[in-house]
Amino acid sequence: MIVVTAPTGQFGHQVLNNLLNSNEPIRVIVRDPSRLPAHTRERVEVVQGSHGDLDVVNRAFAGADSVFWVVPPDPHAASVEAAYVDFSRPACEAFKSQRVKRVVGISALGRGTAMEKNSGLVAGLLAKDDLIASTGVSYRALTIASYMDNLLRQVGSIKSQGMFFDVVSGERKVPTCATRDIASVATRLLLDHSWSGQRSVPVLGPEDLSFNDMAQIMSEVLGRPVRYQQIPGEALKARLTGSGMSDAMAQGMVDMMVAKDNGIDNAEPRTPEFTAPTSFRQWCEEVLKPAVLA
């Protein structure tokens, strides 16, 4: 039995779609089952509720071999620790009481770096990993850099202004990856019943690119000029809190982006094992361009 959390989210829905092609029994935890496609509801067992609720995860994890664990975004959380660590506490109790064998989770690069302690949301993700590891369950933390699909949040400004924005320097070359590649790695681990122990699994795209590099590639793919504009962290925080995000989570986002600007994502060496296939140009052709032209 494989349990998928957040099955309608950015990662969960892709992992679930991949798993549907297997013969494995699948169970999902979802607040609103109507958000699942009809063919999916027919194929999987549904446990309705929040995977931050102890009763829900105890029911969902009963008899489970593997769990795909994703902490859902909580822009209104009182603190980064509450958003990532406290949300995961009930699941960690259930991992133990229900004797779950393996957990695959979404995490971030940066462990062991000088920037880790003050890295905002990254620090929260790594603390969540520590909590899961403390249960003794076999665990694979998929440590990822910024993912290409985040740019879809800026389709409006790319379309109307020919610009996109971030806190990171336009010259800082960093790894990036497509969410579909992350989902592929997660699927492979969930279907593999042979591994044990605890380790991180970096998922890095095939190249390091700066935001200026990305702007050039986007311009070529879209056939229109696109440029990148660096903005101050204070401007990002003001925009986030202005849209309703809590001060703590907005500051956590800014701290994460400052850490990325200082190189937190560059410490992990790229190896063939950890190199995902989708290039940024391919992602622009197949994902960004249709979104911009829609």
C-alpha atoms as a PDB file:
ATOM      1  CA  MET A   1       0.000   0.000   0.000  1.00  0.00           C
ATOM      2  CA  ILE A   2       1.341   3.418  -1.036  1.00  0.00           C
ATOM      3  CA  VAL A   3      -0.168   6.528   0.567  1.00  0.00           C
ATOM      4  CA  VAL A   4       0.009   9.857  -1.273  1.00  0.00           C
ATOM      5  CA  THR A   5      -0.519  13.093   0.637  1.00  0.00           C
ATOM      6  CA  ALA A   6      -1.515  16.367  -1.068  1.00  0.00           C
ATOM      7  CA  PRO A   7      -2.672  14.427  -4.181  1.00  0.00           C
ATOM      8  CA  THR A   8      -4.090  17.545  -5.835  1.00  0.00           C
ATOM      9  CA  GLY A   9      -0.968  19.633  -5.202  1.00  0.00           C
ATOM     10  CA  GLN A  10       1.958  20.507  -7.427  1.00  0.00           C
ATOM     11  CA  PHE A  11       3.980  17.376  -6.605  1.00  0.00           C
ATOM     12  CA  GLY A  12       1.323  15.006  -5.325  1.00  0.00           C
ATOM     13  CA  HIS A  13      -0.863  15.017  -8.418  1.00  0.00           C
ATOM     14  CA  GLN A  14       2.093  14.160 -10.669  1.00  0.00           C
ATOM     15  CA  VAL A  15       3.294  11.389  -8.357  1.00  0.00           C
ATOM     16  CA  LEU A  16      -0.232  10.004  -8.142  1.00  0.00           C
ATOM     17  CA  ASN A  17      -0.652  10.055 -11.924  1.00  0.00           C
ATOM     18  CA  ASN A  18       2.608   8.146 -12.279  1.00  0.00           C
ATOM     19  CA  LEU A  19       1.550   5.571  -9.687  1.00  0.00           C
ATOM     20  CA  LEU A  20      -1.806   4.966 -11.363  1.00  0.00           C
ATOM     21  CA  ASN A  21       0.085   3.098 -14.088  1.00  0.00           C
ATOM     22  CA  SER A  22       1.375   0.553 -11.563  1.00  0.00           C
ATOM     23  CA  ASN A  23      -0.383  -2.420  -9.991  1.00  0.00           C
ATOM     24  CA  GLU A  24       0.218  -1.132  -6.469  1.00  0.00           C
ATOM     25  CA  PRO A  25      -2.722  -0.423  -4.163  1.00  0.00           C
ATOM     26  CA  ILE A  26      -2.898   3.339  -3.589  1.00  0.00           C
ATOM     27  CA  ARG A  27      -4.508   5.389  -0.840  1.00  0.00           C
ATOM     28  CA  VAL A  28      -4.739   9.180  -0.822  1.00  0.00           C
ATOM     29  CA  ILE A  29      -5.441  11.745   1.873  1.00  0.00           C
ATOM     30  CA  VAL A  30      -7.453  14.646   0.509  1.00  0.00           C
ATOM     31  CA  ARG A  31      -9.671  17.334   2.023  1.00  0.00           C
ATOM     32  CA  ASP A  32     -12.006  17.507  -0.966  1.00  0.00           C
ATOM     33  CA  PRO A  33     -12.268  14.222  -2.930  1.00  0.00           C
ATOM     34  CA  SER A  34     -14.252  15.995  -5.680  1.00  0.00           C
ATOM     35  CA  ARG A  35     -10.996  17.658  -6.755  1.00  0.00           C
ATOM     36  CA  LEU A  36      -9.692  14.269  -7.869  1.00  0.00           C
ATOM     37  CA  PRO A  37     -10.562  13.185 -11.429  1.00  0.00           C
ATOM     38  CA  ALA A  38     -13.318  10.565 -11.585  1.00  0.00           C
ATOM     39  CA  HIS A  39     -11.000   7.884 -12.990  1.00  0.00           C
ATOM     40  CA  THR A  40      -8.586   8.496 -10.111  1.00  0.00           C
ATOM     41  CA  ARG A  41     -11.313   8.175  -7.473  1.00  0.00           C
ATOM     42  CA  GLU A  42     -12.260   4.830  -8.985  1.00  0.00           C
ATOM     43  CA  ARG A  43      -8.676   3.569  -8.816  1.00  0.00           C
ATOM     44  CA  VAL A  44      -7.593   4.693  -5.322  1.00  0.00           C
ATOM     45  CA  GLU A  45      -8.817   4.422  -1.763  1.00  0.00           C
ATOM     46  CA  VAL A  46      -9.693   7.866  -0.372  1.00  0.00           C
ATOM     47  CA  VAL A  47      -9.247   9.019   3.217  1.00  0.00           C
ATOM     48  CA  GLN A  48     -10.900  12.405   3.571  1.00  0.00           C
ATOM     49  CA  GLY A  49      -9.389  15.071   5.808  1.00  0.00           C
ATOM     50  CA  SER A  50      -6.142  16.890   6.573  1.00  0.00           C
ATOM     51  CA  HIS A  51      -2.882  14.983   6.759  1.00  0.00           C
ATOM     52  CA  GLY A  52      -2.015  17.241   9.680  1.00  0.00           C
ATOM     53  CA  ASP A  53      -4.727  15.491  11.739  1.00  0.00           C
ATOM     54  CA  LEU A  54      -3.669  12.508  13.893  1.00  0.00           C
ATOM     55  CA  ASP A  55      -6.902  10.533  13.443  1.00  0.00           C
ATOM     56  CA  VAL A  56      -6.735  10.992   9.679  1.00  0.00           C
ATOM     57  CA  VAL A  57      -3.119   9.883   9.291  1.00  0.00           C
ATOM     58  CA  ASN A  58      -3.617   6.936  11.643  1.00  0.00           C
ATOM     59  CA  ARG A  59      -6.420   5.689   9.399  1.00  0.00           C
ATOM     60  CA  ALA A  60      -4.517   6.447   6.206  1.00  0.00           C
ATOM     61  CA  PHE A  61      -1.232   4.866   7.292  1.00  0.00           C
ATOM     62  CA  ALA A  62      -2.776   1.630   8.620  1.00  0.00           C
ATOM     63  CA  GLY A  63      -1.178  -1.199   6.653  1.00  0.00           C
ATOM     64  CA  ALA A  64       0.865   1.227   4.533  1.00  0.00           C
ATOM     65  CA  ASP A  65       4.303   0.255   3.261  1.00  0.00           C
ATOM     66  CA  SER A  66       5.286   3.639   1.798  1.00  0.00           C
ATOM     67  CA  VAL A  67       4.147   7.248   2.180  1.00  0.00           C
ATOM     68  CA  PHE A  68       4.762  10.256  -0.051  1.00  0.00           C
ATOM     69  CA  TRP A  69       4.907  13.113   2.445  1.00  0.00           C
ATOM     70  CA  VAL A  70       4.377  16.713   1.351  1.00  0.00           C
ATOM     71  CA  VAL A  71       3.780  19.597   3.739  1.00  0.00           C
ATOM     72  CA  PRO A  72       1.141  21.804   2.094  1.00  0.00           C
ATOM     73  CA  PRO A  73       1.847  25.535   1.841  1.00  0.00           C
ATOM     74  CA  ASP A  74       0.477  27.515   4.772  1.00  0.00           C
ATOM     75  CA  PRO A  75       0.955  31.212   4.044  1.00  0.00           C
ATOM     76  CA  HIS A  76      -0.846  32.158   7.264  1.00  0.00           C
ATOM     77  CA  ALA A  77       1.255  30.046   9.668  1.00  0.00           C
ATOM     78  CA  ALA A  78       2.434  31.765  12.834  1.00  0.00           C
ATOM     79  CA  SER A  79       6.002  30.550  12.283  1.00  0.00           C
ATOM     80  CA  VAL A  80       8.101  28.531   9.861  1.00  0.00           C
ATOM     81  CA  GLU A  81       8.437  25.809  12.523  1.00  0.00           C
ATOM     82  CA  ALA A  82       4.650  25.626  12.874  1.00  0.00           C
ATOM     83  CA  ALA A  83       4.238  25.359   9.106  1.00  0.00           C
ATOM     84  CA  TYR A  84       6.686  22.481   8.607  1.00  0.00           C
ATOM     85  CA  VAL A  85       7.599  20.788  11.892  1.00  0.00           C
ATOM     86  CA  ASP A  86       4.403  21.105  13.912  1.00  0.00           C
ATOM     87  CA  PHE A  87       2.267  20.122  10.915  1.00  0.00           C
ATOM     88  CA  SER A  88       4.331  16.929  10.545  1.00  0.00           C
ATOM     89  CA  ARG A  89       4.168  15.846  14.210  1.00  0.00           C
ATOM     90  CA  PRO A  90       0.919  13.833  13.926  1.00  0.00           C
ATOM     91  CA  ALA A  91       2.256  12.005  10.854  1.00  0.00           C
ATOM     92  CA  CYS A  92       5.474  11.171  12.663  1.00  0.00           C
ATOM     93  CA  GLU A  93       3.477   9.632  15.512  1.00  0.00           C
ATOM     94  CA  ALA A  94       1.525   7.626  12.945  1.00  0.00           C
ATOM     95  CA  PHE A  95       4.690   6.498  11.107  1.00  0.00           C
ATOM     96  CA  LYS A  96       5.681   4.795  14.358  1.00  0.00           C
ATOM     97  CA  SER A  97       2.330   3.505  15.603  1.00  0.00           C
ATOM     98  CA  GLN A  98       1.277   2.183  12.176  1.00  0.00           C
ATOM     99  CA  ARG A  99       4.748   0.795  11.448  1.00  0.00           C
ATOM    100  CA  VAL A 100       5.167   2.510   8.103  1.00  0.00           C
ATOM    101  CA  LYS A 101       8.260   1.137   6.387  1.00  0.00           C
ATOM    102  CA  ARG A 102       9.331   3.946   4.052  1.00  0.00           C
ATOM    103  CA  VAL A 103       8.694   7.664   3.599  1.00  0.00           C
ATOM    104  CA  VAL A 104       9.633   9.843   0.622  1.00  0.00           C
ATOM    105  CA  GLY A 105       9.458  13.587   1.264  1.00  0.00           C
ATOM    106  CA  ILE A 106      10.042  16.918  -0.457  1.00  0.00           C
ATOM    107  CA  SER A 107      12.898  18.938   1.043  1.00  0.00           C
ATOM    108  CA  ALA A 108      15.584  21.444   0.069  1.00  0.00           C
ATOM    109  CA  LEU A 109      19.297  21.748  -0.568  1.00  0.00           C
ATOM    110  CA  GLY A 110      21.488  23.393   2.031  1.00  0.00           C
ATOM    111  CA  ARG A 111      22.125  20.970   4.883  1.00  0.00           C
ATOM    112  CA  GLY A 112      25.561  21.469   6.396  1.00  0.00           C
ATOM    113  CA  THR A 113      26.126  24.875   4.828  1.00  0.00           C
ATOM    114  CA  ALA A 114      26.970  28.040   6.736  1.00  0.00           C
ATOM    115  CA  MET A 115      23.650  29.516   5.569  1.00  0.00           C
ATOM    116  CA  GLU A 116      21.442  26.671   6.825  1.00  0.00           C
ATOM    117  CA  LYS A 117      20.525  28.191  10.188  1.00  0.00           C
ATOM    118  CA  ASN A 118      19.219  31.470   8.739  1.00  0.00           C
ATOM    119  CA  SER A 119      17.668  30.109   5.549  1.00  0.00           C
ATOM    120  CA  GLY A 120      14.010  30.625   6.427  1.00  0.00           C
ATOM    121  CA  LEU A 121      11.774  28.089   4.698  1.00  0.00           C
ATOM    122  CA  VAL A 122      14.777  25.892   3.908  1.00  0.00           C
ATOM    123  CA  ALA A 123      15.595  25.637   7.610  1.00  0.00           C
ATOM    124  CA  GLY A 124      11.973  24.646   8.234  1.00  0.00           C
ATOM    125  CA  LEU A 125      12.107  21.881   5.643  1.00  0.00           C
ATOM    126  CA  LEU A 126      15.371  20.515   7.038  1.00  0.00           C
ATOM    127  CA  ALA A 127      13.981  20.572  10.598  1.00  0.00           C
ATOM    128  CA  LYS A 128      10.964  18.625   9.318  1.00  0.00           C
ATOM    129  CA  ASP A 129      13.383  16.053   7.851  1.00  0.00           C
ATOM    130  CA  ASP A 130      15.099  15.737  11.243  1.00  0.00           C
ATOM    131  CA  LEU A 131      11.749  15.102  12.918  1.00  0.00           C
ATOM    132  CA  ILE A 132      10.850  12.381  10.417  1.00  0.00           C
ATOM    133  CA  ALA A 133      14.290  10.801  10.748  1.00  0.00           C
ATOM    134  CA  SER A 134      13.909  10.741  14.559  1.00  0.00           C
ATOM    135  CA  THR A 135      11.039   8.247  14.187  1.00  0.00           C
ATOM    136  CA  GLY A 136      13.447   5.637  12.796  1.00  0.00           C
ATOM    137  CA  VAL A 137      11.442   5.173   9.583  1.00  0.00           C
ATOM    138  CA  SER A 138      13.420   4.613   6.398  1.00  0.00           C
ATOM    139  CA  TYR A 139      13.421   8.020   4.735  1.00  0.00           C
ATOM    140  CA  ARG A 140      14.447   9.617   1.469  1.00  0.00           C
ATOM    141  CA  ALA A 141      14.414  13.430   1.487  1.00  0.00           C
ATOM    142  CA  LEU A 142      14.302  14.768  -2.074  1.00  0.00           C
ATOM    143  CA  THR A 143      16.500  17.846  -1.769  1.00  0.00           C
ATOM    144  CA  ILE A 144      15.718  20.278  -4.530  1.00  0.00           C
ATOM    145  CA  ALA A 145      16.752  23.744  -5.574  1.00  0.00           C
ATOM    146  CA  SER A 146      14.265  26.241  -6.952  1.00  0.00           C
ATOM    147  CA  TYR A 147      12.066  24.517  -9.481  1.00  0.00           C
ATOM    148  CA  MET A 148      11.311  25.845 -12.931  1.00  0.00           C
ATOM    149  CA  ASP A 149       7.553  25.646 -12.416  1.00  0.00           C
ATOM    150  CA  ASN A 150       7.732  28.511  -9.896  1.00  0.00           C
ATOM    151  CA  LEU A 151       8.020  30.806 -12.915  1.00  0.00           C
ATOM    152  CA  LEU A 152       4.409  29.989 -13.782  1.00  0.00           C
ATOM    153  CA  ARG A 153       3.436  32.314 -10.922  1.00  0.00           C
ATOM    154  CA  GLN A 154       4.853  35.167 -13.000  1.00  0.00           C
ATOM    155  CA  VAL A 155       3.175  34.353 -16.302  1.00  0.00           C
ATOM    156  CA  GLY A 156       1.143  37.557 -15.995  1.00  0.00           C
ATOM    157  CA  SER A 157       4.156  39.857 -15.814  1.00  0.00           C
ATOM    158  CA  ILE A 158       6.047  37.856 -18.439  1.00  0.00           C
ATOM    159  CA  LYS A 159       3.067  38.234 -20.754  1.00  0.00           C
ATOM    160  CA  SER A 160       2.254  41.899 -20.053  1.00  0.00           C
ATOM    161  CA  GLN A 161       5.670  43.414 -19.203  1.00  0.00           C
ATOM    162  CA  GLY A 162       8.179  40.969 -20.640  1.00  0.00           C
ATOM    163  CA  MET A 163       9.728  40.769 -17.160  1.00  0.00           C
ATOM    164  CA  PHE A 164      10.052  38.477 -14.168  1.00  0.00           C
ATOM    165  CA  PHE A 165      11.349  39.281 -10.708  1.00  0.00           C
ATOM    166  CA  ASP A 166      13.205  37.753  -7.766  1.00  0.00           C
ATOM    167  CA  VAL A 167      15.602  38.591  -4.943  1.00  0.00           C
ATOM    168  CA  VAL A 168      18.530  36.585  -6.323  1.00  0.00           C
ATOM    169  CA  SER A 169      21.220  38.322  -8.384  1.00  0.00           C
ATOM    170  CA  GLY A 170      20.726  37.993 -12.117  1.00  0.00           C
ATOM    171  CA  GLU A 171      24.285  36.683 -12.443  1.00  0.00           C
ATOM    172  CA  ARG A 172      24.116  33.911  -9.790  1.00  0.00           C
ATOM    173  CA  LYS A 173      24.190  30.564 -11.597  1.00  0.00           C
ATOM    174  CA  VAL A 174      22.149  27.969  -9.699  1.00  0.00           C
ATOM    175  CA  PRO A 175      20.740  24.496 -10.249  1.00  0.00           C
ATOM    176  CA  THR A 176      17.065  24.235 -11.063  1.00  0.00           C
ATOM    177  CA  CYS A 177      14.747  21.370 -11.932  1.00  0.00           C
ATOM    178  CA  ALA A 178      11.300  20.607 -13.305  1.00  0.00           C
ATOM    179  CA  THR A 179       8.640  19.324 -10.917  1.00  0.00           C
ATOM    180  CA  ARG A 180       7.937  16.423 -13.263  1.00  0.00           C
ATOM    181  CA  ASP A 181      11.498  15.178 -12.735  1.00  0.00           C
ATOM    182  CA  ILE A 182      11.053  15.430  -8.970  1.00  0.00           C
ATOM    183  CA  ALA A 183       7.819  13.452  -9.280  1.00  0.00           C
ATOM    184  CA  SER A 184       9.604  10.800 -11.357  1.00  0.00           C
ATOM    185  CA  VAL A 185      12.274  10.296  -8.692  1.00  0.00           C
ATOM    186  CA  ALA A 186       9.629  10.134  -5.962  1.00  0.00           C
ATOM    187  CA  THR A 187       7.620   7.579  -7.953  1.00  0.00           C
ATOM    188  CA  ARG A 188      10.648   5.366  -8.494  1.00  0.00           C
ATOM    189  CA  LEU A 189      11.422   5.349  -4.766  1.00  0.00           C
ATOM    190  CA  LEU A 190       7.802   4.645  -3.790  1.00  0.00           C
ATOM    191  CA  LEU A 191       7.659   1.666  -6.141  1.00  0.00           C
ATOM    192  CA  ASP A 192      11.005   0.301  -4.926  1.00  0.00           C
ATOM    193  CA  HIS A 193      10.430  -1.821  -1.815  1.00  0.00           C
ATOM    194  CA  SER A 194      14.084  -2.752  -1.345  1.00  0.00           C
ATOM    195  CA  TRP A 195      15.669   0.360   0.166  1.00  0.00           C
ATOM    196  CA  SER A 196      16.131   1.197   3.807  1.00  0.00           C
ATOM    197  CA  GLY A 197      17.949   3.710   6.000  1.00  0.00           C
ATOM    198  CA  GLN A 198      17.906   7.462   5.745  1.00  0.00           C
ATOM    199  CA  ARG A 199      19.553   9.736   3.201  1.00  0.00           C
ATOM    200  CA  SER A 200      19.040  12.791   1.050  1.00  0.00           C
ATOM    201  CA  VAL A 201      18.480  12.453  -2.686  1.00  0.00           C
ATOM    202  CA  PRO A 202      19.324  15.674  -4.546  1.00  0.00           C
ATOM    203  CA  VAL A 203      17.338  16.354  -7.717  1.00  0.00           C
ATOM    204  CA  LEU A 204      19.280  18.749  -9.945  1.00  0.00           C
ATOM    205  CA  GLY A 205      18.525  19.715 -13.503  1.00  0.00           C
ATOM    206  CA  PRO A 206      21.159  19.214 -16.208  1.00  0.00           C
ATOM    207  CA  GLU A 207      22.706  22.695 -15.918  1.00  0.00           C
ATOM    208  CA  ASP A 208      23.309  25.677 -13.658  1.00  0.00           C
ATOM    209  CA  LEU A 209      21.679  28.829 -15.011  1.00  0.00           C
ATOM    210  CA  SER A 210      21.413  32.417 -13.837  1.00  0.00           C
ATOM    211  CA  PHE A 211      18.141  34.333 -14.071  1.00  0.00           C
ATOM    212  CA  ASN A 212      19.740  36.357 -16.885  1.00  0.00           C
ATOM    213  CA  ASP A 213      20.465  33.081 -18.695  1.00  0.00           C
ATOM    214  CA  MET A 214      16.851  32.055 -18.184  1.00  0.00           C
ATOM    215  CA  ALA A 215      15.609  35.380 -19.537  1.00  0.00           C
ATOM    216  CA  GLN A 216      17.650  34.837 -22.715  1.00  0.00           C
ATOM    217  CA  ILE A 217      16.282  31.322 -23.193  1.00  0.00           C
ATOM    218  CA  MET A 218      12.735  32.491 -22.492  1.00  0.00           C
ATOM    219  CA  SER A 219      13.149  35.274 -25.064  1.00  0.00           C
ATOM    220  CA  GLU A 220      14.288  32.793 -27.696  1.00  0.00           C
ATOM    221  CA  VAL A 221      11.523  30.282 -26.976  1.00  0.00           C
ATOM    222  CA  LEU A 222       8.718  32.839 -26.708  1.00  0.00           C
ATOM    223  CA  GLY A 223       9.917  34.915 -29.632  1.00  0.00           C
ATOM    224  CA  ARG A 224       9.663  38.125 -27.620  1.00  0.00           C
ATOM    225  CA  PRO A 225      12.094  39.953 -25.301  1.00  0.00           C
ATOM    226  CA  VAL A 226      12.025  38.903 -21.656  1.00  0.00           C
ATOM    227  CA  ARG A 227      14.307  40.316 -18.997  1.00  0.00           C
ATOM    228  CA  TYR A 228      14.960  39.623 -15.352  1.00  0.00           C
ATOM    229  CA  GLN A 229      14.749  42.299 -12.651  1.00  0.00           C
ATOM    230  CA  GLN A 230      16.291  41.781  -9.223  1.00  0.00           C
ATOM    231  CA  ILE A 231      14.243  43.288  -6.392  1.00  0.00           C
ATOM    232  CA  PRO A 232      15.115  43.979  -2.726  1.00  0.00           C
ATOM    233  CA  GLY A 233      14.023  41.481  -0.111  1.00  0.00           C
ATOM    234  CA  GLU A 234      11.952  44.211   1.545  1.00  0.00           C
ATOM    235  CA  ALA A 235       9.935  44.659  -1.635  1.00  0.00           C
ATOM    236  CA  LEU A 236       9.218  40.929  -1.836  1.00  0.00           C
ATOM    237  CA  LYS A 237       8.147  40.834   1.814  1.00  0.00           C
ATOM    238  CA  ALA A 238       5.841  43.819   1.354  1.00  0.00           C
ATOM    239  CA  ARG A 239       4.221  42.162  -1.655  1.00  0.00           C
ATOM    240  CA  LEU A 240       3.734  38.883   0.215  1.00  0.00           C
ATOM    241  CA  THR A 241       2.283  40.417   3.370  1.00  0.00           C
ATOM    242  CA  GLY A 242       0.136  42.671   1.204  1.00  0.00           C
ATOM    243  CA  SER A 243      -1.423  39.570  -0.350  1.00  0.00           C
ATOM    244  CA  GLY A 244      -2.237  38.149   3.087  1.00  0.00           C
ATOM    245  CA  MET A 245       0.833  36.114   4.020  1.00  0.00           C
ATOM    246  CA  SER A 246       1.812  36.181   7.696  1.00  0.00           C
ATOM    247  CA  ASP A 247       4.854  38.233   8.636  1.00  0.00           C
ATOM    248  CA  ALA A 248       6.722  35.105   9.766  1.00  0.00           C
ATOM    249  CA  MET A 249       6.150  33.188   6.530  1.00  0.00           C
ATOM    250  CA  ALA A 250       6.946  36.223   4.366  1.00  0.00           C
ATOM    251  CA  GLN A 251      10.202  36.702   6.276  1.00  0.00           C
ATOM    252  CA  GLY A 252      10.906  32.980   5.874  1.00  0.00           C
ATOM    253  CA  MET A 253      10.511  33.334   2.117  1.00  0.00           C
ATOM    254  CA  VAL A 254      12.832  36.358   2.020  1.00  0.00           C
ATOM    255  CA  ASP A 255      15.435  34.606   4.191  1.00  0.00           C
ATOM    256  CA  MET A 256      15.333  31.603   1.861  1.00  0.00           C
ATOM    257  CA  MET A 257      15.868  33.759  -1.223  1.00  0.00           C
ATOM    258  CA  VAL A 258      18.737  35.659   0.424  1.00  0.00           C
ATOM    259  CA  ALA A 259      20.342  32.299   1.267  1.00  0.00           C
ATOM    260  CA  LYS A 260      19.954  31.244  -2.355  1.00  0.00           C
ATOM    261  CA  ASP A 261      21.584  34.516  -3.449  1.00  0.00           C
ATOM    262  CA  ASN A 262      24.463  33.668  -1.114  1.00  0.00           C
ATOM    263  CA  GLY A 263      24.938  30.243  -2.708  1.00  0.00           C
ATOM    264  CA  ILE A 264      23.075  27.771  -0.473  1.00  0.00           C
ATOM    265  CA  ASP A 265      21.975  25.787  -3.550  1.00  0.00           C
ATOM    266  CA  ASN A 266      25.482  25.613  -5.004  1.00  0.00           C
ATOM    267  CA  ALA A 267      27.062  23.389  -2.363  1.00  0.00           C
ATOM    268  CA  GLU A 268      25.700  20.121  -3.772  1.00  0.00           C
ATOM    269  CA  PRO A 269      27.944  18.689  -6.507  1.00  0.00           C
ATOM    270  CA  ARG A 270      26.112  17.521  -9.608  1.00  0.00           C
ATOM    271  CA  THR A 271      26.628  13.824 -10.285  1.00  0.00           C
ATOM    272  CA  PRO A 272      25.040  11.598 -12.954  1.00  0.00           C
ATOM    273  CA  GLU A 273      22.909   9.944 -10.236  1.00  0.00           C
ATOM    274  CA  PHE A 274      21.393  13.257  -9.151  1.00  0.00           C
ATOM    275  CA  THR A 275      21.046  14.922 -12.568  1.00  0.00           C
ATOM    276  CA  ALA A 276      17.465  15.103 -13.838  1.00  0.00           C
ATOM    277  CA  PRO A 277      16.877  15.188 -17.604  1.00  0.00           C
ATOM    278  CA  THR A 278      14.607  18.172 -18.297  1.00  0.00           C
ATOM    279  CA  SER A 279      16.530  21.237 -19.470  1.00  0.00           C
ATOM    280  CA  PHE A 280      15.195  24.741 -18.912  1.00  0.00           C
ATOM    281  CA  ARG A 281      14.798  25.236 -22.659  1.00  0.00           C
ATOM    282  CA  GLN A 282      12.744  22.045 -22.949  1.00  0.00           C
ATOM    283  CA  TRP A 283      10.592  23.122 -19.988  1.00  0.00           C
ATOM    284  CA  CYS A 284      10.020  26.530 -21.593  1.00  0.00           C
ATOM    285  CA  GLU A 285       8.947  24.908 -24.851  1.00  0.00           C
ATOM    286  CA  GLU A 286       6.631  22.378 -23.258  1.00  0.00           C
ATOM    287  CA  VAL A 287       5.258  24.192 -20.181  1.00  0.00           C
ATOM    288  CA  LEU A 288       5.976  27.932 -20.095  1.00  0.00           C
ATOM    289  CA  LYS A 289       5.215  28.764 -23.727  1.00  0.00           C
ATOM    290  CA  PRO A 290       1.719  27.219 -23.715  1.00  0.00           C
ATOM    291  CA  ALA A 291       0.970  29.035 -20.435  1.00  0.00           C
ATOM    292  CA  VAL A 292       2.100  32.402 -21.808  1.00  0.00           C
ATOM    293  CA  LEU A 293       0.221  31.939 -25.083  1.00  0.00           C
ATOM    294  CA  ALA A 294      -2.990  30.768 -23.376  1.00  0.00           C
END
